[in-house]
Amino acid sequence: MEDEPVEIPIEDALDLHTFQPAEVRSVVLEYLTQARARGSSQGRLIHGRGIGMQRANVQGLLRGIDFVEDFWDDAHLGATVVLLRAAR
């Protein structure tokens, strides 16, 4: 049986704990793309506090996305806040 795609609601935050590490980059990119298309200007990616592996993975991806205007740590929540450029 093939895995069916899972539709995730686009909200102001995405908790990455429910995804396998190998899925995180593609999930984050799709989430941000859809959030931007729906007019969102900001999102919060919850990766956890831990030793920082998932944080580094997420923030490395964000550096390469052209419509990410800025991002920063929300360390007490184990999250990264992302500002998105408006879609044209």
Protein backbone atom coordinates (compact mmCIF):
# COMPACT_ATOMS: atom_id res chain seq x y z
CA MET A 1 0.00 0.00 0.00
CA GLU A 2 1.38 3.39 -1.02
CA ASP A 3 1.60 6.20 1.49
CA GLU A 4 -1.05 8.78 0.78
CA PRO A 5 -0.13 12.47 1.09
CA VAL A 6 -1.32 14.04 4.31
CA GLU A 7 -2.95 17.45 4.10
CA ILE A 8 -1.79 19.72 6.90
CA PRO A 9 -3.85 22.78 7.79
CA ILE A 10 -1.96 26.02 7.25
CA GLU A 11 -1.97 27.73 10.62
CA ASP A 12 0.37 30.27 12.24
CA ALA A 13 2.64 27.50 13.57
CA LEU A 14 3.84 24.10 12.39
CA ASP A 15 4.99 21.54 14.96
CA LEU A 16 7.72 19.46 13.33
CA HIS A 17 7.78 16.83 16.08
CA THR A 18 5.24 14.69 14.22
CA PHE A 19 7.46 14.28 11.13
CA GLN A 20 10.37 11.99 10.45
CA PRO A 21 13.72 13.87 10.25
CA ALA A 22 14.04 13.01 6.54
CA GLU A 23 10.66 14.67 5.86
CA VAL A 24 11.24 17.95 7.68
CA ARG A 25 12.87 19.97 4.89
CA SER A 26 10.19 19.15 2.32
CA VAL A 27 7.40 19.70 4.86
CA VAL A 28 8.80 23.10 5.88
CA LEU A 29 9.19 24.22 2.26
CA GLU A 30 5.64 23.15 1.37
CA TYR A 31 4.20 24.74 4.53
CA LEU A 32 5.93 28.08 3.87
CA THR A 33 4.99 28.03 0.19
CA GLN A 34 1.33 27.42 1.02
CA ALA A 35 1.31 29.93 3.90
CA ARG A 36 2.71 32.62 1.59
CA ALA A 37 0.20 31.74 -1.17
CA ARG A 38 -2.61 32.20 1.39
CA GLY A 39 -1.31 35.66 2.32
CA SER A 40 0.53 34.86 5.54
CA SER A 41 3.49 37.07 6.31
CA GLN A 42 4.82 35.10 9.27
CA GLY A 43 5.02 31.54 10.54
CA ARG A 44 6.49 29.69 13.50
CA LEU A 45 8.33 26.40 13.02
CA ILE A 46 8.44 24.39 16.23
CA HIS A 47 11.53 22.17 16.14
CA GLY A 48 12.23 21.73 19.84
CA ARG A 49 15.09 22.78 22.07
CA GLY A 50 17.17 19.59 22.32
CA ILE A 51 20.74 19.72 21.02
CA GLY A 52 19.89 21.92 18.05
CA MET A 53 20.12 19.44 15.17
CA GLN A 54 16.58 20.07 13.88
CA ARG A 55 16.97 23.82 14.45
CA ALA A 56 20.15 23.86 12.35
CA ASN A 57 18.46 21.77 9.64
CA VAL A 58 15.45 24.11 9.47
CA GLN A 59 17.47 27.32 9.57
CA GLY A 60 19.88 26.02 6.92
CA LEU A 61 16.91 25.45 4.64
CA LEU A 62 15.47 28.91 5.38
CA ARG A 63 18.72 30.58 4.26
CA GLY A 64 18.16 29.20 0.76
CA ILE A 65 14.49 30.14 0.26
CA ASP A 66 14.22 33.35 -1.73
CA PHE A 67 10.87 34.42 -0.28
CA VAL A 68 12.04 34.16 3.34
CA GLU A 69 12.68 37.75 4.35
CA ASP A 70 14.08 37.03 7.82
CA PHE A 71 13.99 34.50 10.64
CA TRP A 72 15.04 34.29 14.28
CA ASP A 73 14.97 31.99 17.28
CA ASP A 74 12.11 31.91 19.73
CA ALA A 75 14.36 29.87 22.00
CA HIS A 76 12.09 29.49 25.03
CA LEU A 77 9.56 27.72 22.78
CA GLY A 78 12.11 25.77 20.74
CA ALA A 79 10.93 27.45 17.57
CA THR A 80 12.05 29.62 14.67
CA VAL A 81 9.91 32.56 13.61
CA VAL A 82 9.91 33.19 9.85
CA LEU A 83 8.95 36.38 7.99
CA LEU A 84 7.76 35.85 4.43
CA ARG A 85 7.84 38.25 1.49
CA ALA A 86 4.42 38.87 -0.01
CA ALA A 87 3.56 36.80 -3.07
CA ARG A 88 3.27 38.82 -6.27
